[in-house]
Amino acid sequence: MPKNKYSAGIILLLVGVLILLGKAGVFSLLGAIFWPLLVLIPGVLLHVLYFGRVVPAVMLAPGGMLVSYAVLFIICNIVGWDSLKYLWPLFILGAAIGLYEYYMFGSSVPRIVFTAAIVLAAASVLFFVVMLMWSWGVYLVAALFIAAGAFLMFGKRKRW
Protein backbone atom coordinates (compact mmCIF):
# COMPACT_ATOMS: atom_id res chain seq x y z
CA MET A 1 0.00 0.00 0.00
CA PRO A 2 1.15 3.51 -0.62
CA LYS A 3 2.31 5.65 2.30
CA ASN A 4 -0.37 8.25 1.55
CA LYS A 5 -3.10 5.82 2.64
CA TYR A 6 -1.40 5.16 5.96
CA SER A 7 -0.81 8.86 6.58
CA ALA A 8 -4.38 9.76 5.68
CA GLY A 9 -5.68 6.90 7.83
CA ILE A 10 -3.67 8.03 10.83
CA ILE A 11 -4.81 11.63 10.39
CA LEU A 12 -8.47 10.59 10.08
CA LEU A 13 -8.12 8.33 13.12
CA LEU A 14 -6.62 11.16 15.21
CA VAL A 15 -9.28 13.63 14.07
CA GLY A 16 -12.01 11.16 15.00
CA VAL A 17 -10.51 10.55 18.44
CA LEU A 18 -10.18 14.31 19.01
CA ILE A 19 -13.82 14.84 18.03
CA LEU A 20 -14.97 12.09 20.42
CA LEU A 21 -12.85 13.50 23.25
CA GLY A 22 -14.28 16.96 22.57
CA LYS A 23 -17.83 15.63 22.70
CA ALA A 24 -17.01 13.80 25.94
CA GLY A 25 -16.02 17.12 27.53
CA VAL A 26 -12.34 16.35 28.03
CA PHE A 27 -11.17 19.60 26.47
CA SER A 28 -13.64 21.75 28.37
CA LEU A 29 -12.47 20.14 31.62
CA LEU A 30 -8.84 20.78 30.74
CA GLY A 31 -9.66 24.33 29.71
CA ALA A 32 -11.51 24.97 32.96
CA ILE A 33 -8.59 23.72 35.02
CA PHE A 34 -5.55 24.93 33.11
CA TRP A 35 -6.66 28.32 31.77
CA PRO A 36 -4.49 30.21 34.32
CA LEU A 37 -1.52 28.98 32.31
CA LEU A 38 -2.58 31.53 29.68
CA VAL A 39 -1.73 34.19 32.27
CA LEU A 40 1.29 32.43 33.78
CA ILE A 41 3.15 31.71 30.54
CA PRO A 42 3.42 35.37 29.38
CA GLY A 43 4.55 36.39 32.89
CA VAL A 44 7.27 33.75 32.97
CA LEU A 45 8.20 34.60 29.38
CA LEU A 46 8.72 38.26 30.33
CA HIS A 47 11.04 37.17 33.13
CA VAL A 48 12.97 34.85 30.80
CA LEU A 49 13.28 37.60 28.20
CA TYR A 50 14.58 40.06 30.79
CA PHE A 51 17.14 37.66 32.25
CA GLY A 52 18.15 36.78 28.70
CA ARG A 53 18.87 40.50 28.18
CA VAL A 54 16.24 40.86 25.42
CA VAL A 55 13.80 43.30 27.05
CA PRO A 56 14.40 46.15 29.54
CA ALA A 57 13.84 45.85 33.28
CA VAL A 58 10.54 47.71 33.13
CA MET A 59 9.01 44.54 31.66
CA LEU A 60 9.46 42.86 35.04
CA ALA A 61 6.57 44.91 36.43
CA PRO A 62 3.87 43.34 34.22
CA GLY A 63 5.72 40.01 34.39
CA GLY A 64 5.55 39.94 38.18
CA MET A 65 1.93 40.98 38.12
CA LEU A 66 0.98 38.26 35.64
CA VAL A 67 2.80 35.54 37.57
CA SER A 68 1.22 36.53 40.89
CA TYR A 69 -2.25 36.78 39.33
CA ALA A 70 -1.83 33.37 37.72
CA VAL A 71 -0.91 31.88 41.10
CA LEU A 72 -4.02 33.51 42.58
CA PHE A 73 -6.18 32.08 39.78
CA ILE A 74 -4.69 28.61 40.29
CA ILE A 75 -5.46 28.83 44.01
CA CYS A 76 -9.02 29.88 43.22
CA ASN A 77 -9.38 26.97 40.77
CA ILE A 78 -8.29 24.55 43.48
CA VAL A 79 -10.02 26.03 46.53
CA GLY A 80 -13.06 27.57 44.85
CA TRP A 81 -13.90 30.93 43.40
CA ASP A 82 -15.90 31.98 46.44
CA SER A 83 -12.56 32.37 48.25
CA LEU A 84 -11.86 35.39 46.05
CA LYS A 85 -14.07 37.45 48.36
CA TYR A 86 -11.25 37.11 50.90
CA LEU A 87 -8.29 37.00 48.51
CA TRP A 88 -9.04 40.10 46.42
CA PRO A 89 -6.31 42.17 48.15
CA LEU A 90 -3.78 39.90 46.44
CA PHE A 91 -4.51 41.77 43.20
CA ILE A 92 -2.99 44.86 44.83
CA LEU A 93 -0.12 42.74 46.12
CA GLY A 94 0.54 41.58 42.53
CA ALA A 95 1.12 45.16 41.45
CA ALA A 96 3.44 45.63 44.43
CA ILE A 97 5.41 42.52 43.48
CA GLY A 98 5.81 43.73 39.91
CA LEU A 99 7.03 47.14 40.99
CA TYR A 100 9.39 45.64 43.52
CA GLU A 101 10.94 43.36 40.90
CA TYR A 102 11.41 46.34 38.62
CA TYR A 103 13.10 48.26 41.44
CA MET A 104 15.36 45.35 42.42
CA PHE A 105 16.61 44.40 38.97
CA GLY A 106 16.45 47.68 37.10
CA SER A 107 19.40 49.99 36.95
CA SER A 108 18.89 53.61 38.00
CA VAL A 109 15.24 53.14 38.92
CA PRO A 110 13.80 56.04 40.93
CA ARG A 111 13.21 55.47 44.64
CA ILE A 112 9.53 56.33 44.19
CA VAL A 113 9.03 52.92 42.56
CA PHE A 114 10.21 51.21 45.74
CA THR A 115 8.02 53.50 47.83
CA ALA A 116 5.00 52.72 45.65
CA ALA A 117 5.68 48.99 45.96
CA ILE A 118 5.87 49.21 49.76
CA VAL A 119 2.71 51.33 49.97
CA LEU A 120 0.80 48.93 47.74
CA ALA A 121 2.02 45.91 49.72
CA ALA A 122 1.06 47.56 53.00
CA ALA A 123 -2.37 48.47 51.62
CA SER A 124 -2.83 44.91 50.45
CA VAL A 125 -1.94 43.47 53.84
CA LEU A 126 -4.17 46.02 55.57
CA PHE A 127 -7.13 45.20 53.32
CA PHE A 128 -6.51 41.48 53.83
CA VAL A 129 -6.51 41.88 57.63
CA VAL A 130 -9.66 44.02 57.45
CA MET A 131 -11.36 41.38 55.31
CA LEU A 132 -10.43 38.65 57.77
CA MET A 133 -11.55 40.74 60.73
CA TRP A 134 -14.78 41.64 58.96
CA SER A 135 -15.62 38.02 58.23
CA TRP A 136 -13.97 36.18 61.12
CA GLY A 137 -13.83 39.03 63.63
CA VAL A 138 -16.81 37.77 65.62
CA TYR A 139 -15.04 34.48 66.19
CA LEU A 140 -11.89 36.29 67.30
CA VAL A 141 -13.84 38.41 69.78
CA ALA A 142 -15.59 35.28 71.10
CA ALA A 143 -12.24 33.50 71.50
CA LEU A 144 -10.81 36.51 73.36
CA PHE A 145 -13.80 36.55 75.75
CA ILE A 146 -13.45 32.81 76.35
CA ALA A 147 -9.72 33.15 77.02
CA ALA A 148 -10.26 36.09 79.39
CA GLY A 149 -12.99 34.23 81.24
CA ALA A 150 -10.84 31.12 81.58
CA PHE A 151 -7.95 33.27 82.77
CA LEU A 152 -10.13 34.86 85.43
CA MET A 153 -11.68 31.55 86.51
CA PHE A 154 -8.56 29.42 86.65
CA GLY A 155 -5.95 32.06 87.43
CA LYS A 156 -4.58 32.79 90.86
CA ARG A 157 -6.86 34.77 93.14
CA LYS A 158 -4.12 37.37 93.69
CA ARG A 159 -4.72 38.76 90.19
CA TRP A 160 -8.24 39.81 91.09
C-alpha atoms as a PDB file:
ATOM      1  CA  MET A   1       0.000   0.000   0.000  1.00  0.00           C
ATOM      2  CA  PRO A   2       1.150   3.513  -0.624  1.00  0.00           C
ATOM      3  CA  LYS A   3       2.308   5.648   2.299  1.00  0.00           C
ATOM      4  CA  ASN A   4      -0.373   8.248   1.546  1.00  0.00           C
ATOM      5  CA  LYS A   5      -3.102   5.822   2.636  1.00  0.00           C
ATOM      6  CA  TYR A   6      -1.400   5.163   5.961  1.00  0.00           C
ATOM      7  CA  SER A   7      -0.810   8.861   6.582  1.00  0.00           C
ATOM      8  CA  ALA A   8      -4.376   9.759   5.681  1.00  0.00           C
ATOM      9  CA  GLY A   9      -5.680   6.898   7.826  1.00  0.00           C
ATOM     10  CA  ILE A  10      -3.673   8.028  10.835  1.00  0.00           C
ATOM     11  CA  ILE A  11      -4.813  11.633  10.390  1.00  0.00           C
ATOM     12  CA  LEU A  12      -8.467  10.590  10.077  1.00  0.00           C
ATOM     13  CA  LEU A  13      -8.125   8.332  13.116  1.00  0.00           C
ATOM     14  CA  LEU A  14      -6.623  11.156  15.213  1.00  0.00           C
ATOM     15  CA  VAL A  15      -9.277  13.628  14.073  1.00  0.00           C
ATOM     16  CA  GLY A  16     -12.013  11.156  14.998  1.00  0.00           C
ATOM     17  CA  VAL A  17     -10.509  10.554  18.441  1.00  0.00           C
ATOM     18  CA  LEU A  18     -10.181  14.309  19.008  1.00  0.00           C
ATOM     19  CA  ILE A  19     -13.821  14.844  18.033  1.00  0.00           C
ATOM     20  CA  LEU A  20     -14.974  12.086  20.421  1.00  0.00           C
ATOM     21  CA  LEU A  21     -12.851  13.501  23.249  1.00  0.00           C
ATOM     22  CA  GLY A  22     -14.278  16.956  22.573  1.00  0.00           C
ATOM     23  CA  LYS A  23     -17.831  15.628  22.697  1.00  0.00           C
ATOM     24  CA  ALA A  24     -17.012  13.802  25.940  1.00  0.00           C
ATOM     25  CA  GLY A  25     -16.023  17.120  27.529  1.00  0.00           C
ATOM     26  CA  VAL A  26     -12.343  16.351  28.034  1.00  0.00           C
ATOM     27  CA  PHE A  27     -11.167  19.605  26.470  1.00  0.00           C
ATOM     28  CA  SER A  28     -13.640  21.751  28.370  1.00  0.00           C
ATOM     29  CA  LEU A  29     -12.471  20.144  31.620  1.00  0.00           C
ATOM     30  CA  LEU A  30      -8.837  20.777  30.738  1.00  0.00           C
ATOM     31  CA  GLY A  31      -9.662  24.333  29.707  1.00  0.00           C
ATOM     32  CA  ALA A  32     -11.512  24.974  32.959  1.00  0.00           C
ATOM     33  CA  ILE A  33      -8.591  23.717  35.019  1.00  0.00           C
ATOM     34  CA  PHE A  34      -5.546  24.926  33.113  1.00  0.00           C
ATOM     35  CA  TRP A  35      -6.662  28.319  31.774  1.00  0.00           C
ATOM     36  CA  PRO A  36      -4.490  30.212  34.316  1.00  0.00           C
ATOM     37  CA  LEU A  37      -1.517  28.981  32.308  1.00  0.00           C
ATOM     38  CA  LEU A  38      -2.575  31.528  29.676  1.00  0.00           C
ATOM     39  CA  VAL A  39      -1.729  34.188  32.270  1.00  0.00           C
ATOM     40  CA  LEU A  40       1.288  32.425  33.780  1.00  0.00           C
ATOM     41  CA  ILE A  41       3.148  31.713  30.539  1.00  0.00           C
ATOM     42  CA  PRO A  42       3.422  35.366  29.383  1.00  0.00           C
ATOM     43  CA  GLY A  43       4.554  36.386  32.886  1.00  0.00           C
ATOM     44  CA  VAL A  44       7.270  33.750  32.973  1.00  0.00           C
ATOM     45  CA  LEU A  45       8.201  34.599  29.384  1.00  0.00           C
ATOM     46  CA  LEU A  46       8.716  38.260  30.326  1.00  0.00           C
ATOM     47  CA  HIS A  47      11.045  37.167  33.128  1.00  0.00           C
ATOM     48  CA  VAL A  48      12.969  34.853  30.804  1.00  0.00           C
ATOM     49  CA  LEU A  49      13.280  37.603  28.203  1.00  0.00           C
ATOM     50  CA  TYR A  50      14.581  40.056  30.792  1.00  0.00           C
ATOM     51  CA  PHE A  51      17.144  37.662  32.250  1.00  0.00           C
ATOM     52  CA  GLY A  52      18.151  36.775  28.698  1.00  0.00           C
ATOM     53  CA  ARG A  53      18.866  40.496  28.182  1.00  0.00           C
ATOM     54  CA  VAL A  54      16.245  40.859  25.420  1.00  0.00           C
ATOM     55  CA  VAL A  55      13.798  43.302  27.054  1.00  0.00           C
ATOM     56  CA  PRO A  56      14.401  46.149  29.544  1.00  0.00           C
ATOM     57  CA  ALA A  57      13.841  45.848  33.285  1.00  0.00           C
ATOM     58  CA  VAL A  58      10.543  47.714  33.126  1.00  0.00           C
ATOM     59  CA  MET A  59       9.008  44.537  31.661  1.00  0.00           C
ATOM     60  CA  LEU A  60       9.459  42.856  35.045  1.00  0.00           C
ATOM     61  CA  ALA A  61       6.574  44.912  36.431  1.00  0.00           C
ATOM     62  CA  PRO A  62       3.875  43.340  34.222  1.00  0.00           C
ATOM     63  CA  GLY A  63       5.723  40.014  34.391  1.00  0.00           C
ATOM     64  CA  GLY A  64       5.553  39.941  38.182  1.00  0.00           C
ATOM     65  CA  MET A  65       1.928  40.979  38.120  1.00  0.00           C
ATOM     66  CA  LEU A  66       0.978  38.261  35.637  1.00  0.00           C
ATOM     67  CA  VAL A  67       2.795  35.540  37.569  1.00  0.00           C
ATOM     68  CA  SER A  68       1.218  36.534  40.889  1.00  0.00           C
ATOM     69  CA  TYR A  69      -2.252  36.784  39.334  1.00  0.00           C
ATOM     70  CA  ALA A  70      -1.825  33.368  37.716  1.00  0.00           C
ATOM     71  CA  VAL A  71      -0.914  31.878  41.096  1.00  0.00           C
ATOM     72  CA  LEU A  72      -4.021  33.512  42.575  1.00  0.00           C
ATOM     73  CA  PHE A  73      -6.183  32.084  39.778  1.00  0.00           C
ATOM     74  CA  ILE A  74      -4.692  28.610  40.286  1.00  0.00           C
ATOM     75  CA  ILE A  75      -5.456  28.829  44.011  1.00  0.00           C
ATOM     76  CA  CYS A  76      -9.019  29.877  43.215  1.00  0.00           C
ATOM     77  CA  ASN A  77      -9.377  26.974  40.768  1.00  0.00           C
ATOM     78  CA  ILE A  78      -8.286  24.551  43.479  1.00  0.00           C
ATOM     79  CA  VAL A  79     -10.021  26.030  46.529  1.00  0.00           C
ATOM     80  CA  GLY A  80     -13.057  27.566  44.848  1.00  0.00           C
ATOM     81  CA  TRP A  81     -13.896  30.929  43.400  1.00  0.00           C
ATOM     82  CA  ASP A  82     -15.896  31.982  46.443  1.00  0.00           C
ATOM     83  CA  SER A  83     -12.563  32.371  48.252  1.00  0.00           C
ATOM     84  CA  LEU A  84     -11.862  35.386  46.046  1.00  0.00           C
ATOM     85  CA  LYS A  85     -14.070  37.446  48.360  1.00  0.00           C
ATOM     86  CA  TYR A  86     -11.246  37.114  50.900  1.00  0.00           C
ATOM     87  CA  LEU A  87      -8.286  37.002  48.513  1.00  0.00           C
ATOM     88  CA  TRP A  88      -9.039  40.100  46.420  1.00  0.00           C
ATOM     89  CA  PRO A  89      -6.307  42.165  48.149  1.00  0.00           C
ATOM     90  CA  LEU A  90      -3.784  39.900  46.444  1.00  0.00           C
ATOM     91  CA  PHE A  91      -4.508  41.773  43.204  1.00  0.00           C
ATOM     92  CA  ILE A  92      -2.993  44.857  44.830  1.00  0.00           C
ATOM     93  CA  LEU A  93      -0.118  42.738  46.115  1.00  0.00           C
ATOM     94  CA  GLY A  94       0.536  41.581  42.535  1.00  0.00           C
ATOM     95  CA  ALA A  95       1.116  45.165  41.448  1.00  0.00           C
ATOM     96  CA  ALA A  96       3.443  45.635  44.429  1.00  0.00           C
ATOM     97  CA  ILE A  97       5.407  42.516  43.482  1.00  0.00           C
ATOM     98  CA  GLY A  98       5.806  43.727  39.913  1.00  0.00           C
ATOM     99  CA  LEU A  99       7.029  47.144  40.986  1.00  0.00           C
ATOM    100  CA  TYR A 100       9.394  45.640  43.522  1.00  0.00           C
ATOM    101  CA  GLU A 101      10.938  43.360  40.900  1.00  0.00           C
ATOM    102  CA  TYR A 102      11.414  46.343  38.619  1.00  0.00           C
ATOM    103  CA  TYR A 103      13.102  48.261  41.438  1.00  0.00           C
ATOM    104  CA  MET A 104      15.355  45.355  42.424  1.00  0.00           C
ATOM    105  CA  PHE A 105      16.614  44.395  38.972  1.00  0.00           C
ATOM    106  CA  GLY A 106      16.448  47.683  37.100  1.00  0.00           C
ATOM    107  CA  SER A 107      19.395  49.985  36.953  1.00  0.00           C
ATOM    108  CA  SER A 108      18.886  53.607  38.002  1.00  0.00           C
ATOM    109  CA  VAL A 109      15.241  53.136  38.924  1.00  0.00           C
ATOM    110  CA  PRO A 110      13.799  56.044  40.935  1.00  0.00           C
ATOM    111  CA  ARG A 111      13.213  55.471  44.640  1.00  0.00           C
ATOM    112  CA  ILE A 112       9.525  56.329  44.188  1.00  0.00           C
ATOM    113  CA  VAL A 113       9.028  52.915  42.556  1.00  0.00           C
ATOM    114  CA  PHE A 114      10.207  51.210  45.741  1.00  0.00           C
ATOM    115  CA  THR A 115       8.017  53.497  47.830  1.00  0.00           C
ATOM    116  CA  ALA A 116       5.002  52.722  45.653  1.00  0.00           C
ATOM    117  CA  ALA A 117       5.685  48.988  45.957  1.00  0.00           C
ATOM    118  CA  ILE A 118       5.873  49.212  49.757  1.00  0.00           C
ATOM    119  CA  VAL A 119       2.714  51.335  49.971  1.00  0.00           C
ATOM    120  CA  LEU A 120       0.795  48.926  47.739  1.00  0.00           C
ATOM    121  CA  ALA A 121       2.023  45.914  49.716  1.00  0.00           C
ATOM    122  CA  ALA A 122       1.058  47.560  53.005  1.00  0.00           C
ATOM    123  CA  ALA A 123      -2.368  48.467  51.624  1.00  0.00           C
ATOM    124  CA  SER A 124      -2.831  44.907  50.446  1.00  0.00           C
ATOM    125  CA  VAL A 125      -1.936  43.472  53.841  1.00  0.00           C
ATOM    126  CA  LEU A 126      -4.174  46.023  55.574  1.00  0.00           C
ATOM    127  CA  PHE A 127      -7.126  45.198  53.325  1.00  0.00           C
ATOM    128  CA  PHE A 128      -6.511  41.476  53.832  1.00  0.00           C
ATOM    129  CA  VAL A 129      -6.508  41.883  57.628  1.00  0.00           C
ATOM    130  CA  VAL A 130      -9.660  44.024  57.452  1.00  0.00           C
ATOM    131  CA  MET A 131     -11.359  41.378  55.307  1.00  0.00           C
ATOM    132  CA  LEU A 132     -10.429  38.646  57.766  1.00  0.00           C
ATOM    133  CA  MET A 133     -11.547  40.741  60.728  1.00  0.00           C
ATOM    134  CA  TRP A 134     -14.779  41.642  58.964  1.00  0.00           C
ATOM    135  CA  SER A 135     -15.619  38.025  58.234  1.00  0.00           C
ATOM    136  CA  TRP A 136     -13.972  36.183  61.120  1.00  0.00           C
ATOM    137  CA  GLY A 137     -13.826  39.026  63.633  1.00  0.00           C
ATOM    138  CA  VAL A 138     -16.806  37.771  65.616  1.00  0.00           C
ATOM    139  CA  TYR A 139     -15.036  34.477  66.192  1.00  0.00           C
ATOM    140  CA  LEU A 140     -11.886  36.287  67.298  1.00  0.00           C
ATOM    141  CA  VAL A 141     -13.843  38.414  69.782  1.00  0.00           C
ATOM    142  CA  ALA A 142     -15.589  35.284  71.099  1.00  0.00           C
ATOM    143  CA  ALA A 143     -12.241  33.503  71.499  1.00  0.00           C
ATOM    144  CA  LEU A 144     -10.812  36.507  73.363  1.00  0.00           C
ATOM    145  CA  PHE A 145     -13.804  36.546  75.749  1.00  0.00           C
ATOM    146  CA  ILE A 146     -13.452  32.809  76.351  1.00  0.00           C
ATOM    147  CA  ALA A 147      -9.716  33.155  77.020  1.00  0.00           C
ATOM    148  CA  ALA A 148     -10.264  36.095  79.388  1.00  0.00           C
ATOM    149  CA  GLY A 149     -12.990  34.230  81.236  1.00  0.00           C
ATOM    150  CA  ALA A 150     -10.839  31.125  81.578  1.00  0.00           C
ATOM    151  CA  PHE A 151      -7.948  33.265  82.772  1.00  0.00           C
ATOM    152  CA  LEU A 152     -10.126  34.856  85.433  1.00  0.00           C
ATOM    153  CA  MET A 153     -11.681  31.549  86.514  1.00  0.00           C
ATOM    154  CA  PHE A 154      -8.562  29.423  86.647  1.00  0.00           C
ATOM    155  CA  GLY A 155      -5.949  32.056  87.425  1.00  0.00           C
ATOM    156  CA  LYS A 156      -4.577  32.793  90.858  1.00  0.00           C
ATOM    157  CA  ARG A 157      -6.856  34.769  93.140  1.00  0.00           C
ATOM    158  CA  LYS A 158      -4.117  37.375  93.692  1.00  0.00           C
ATOM    159  CA  ARG A 159      -4.716  38.761  90.194  1.00  0.00           C
ATOM    160  CA  TRP A 160      -8.242  39.815  91.091  1.00  0.00           C
END
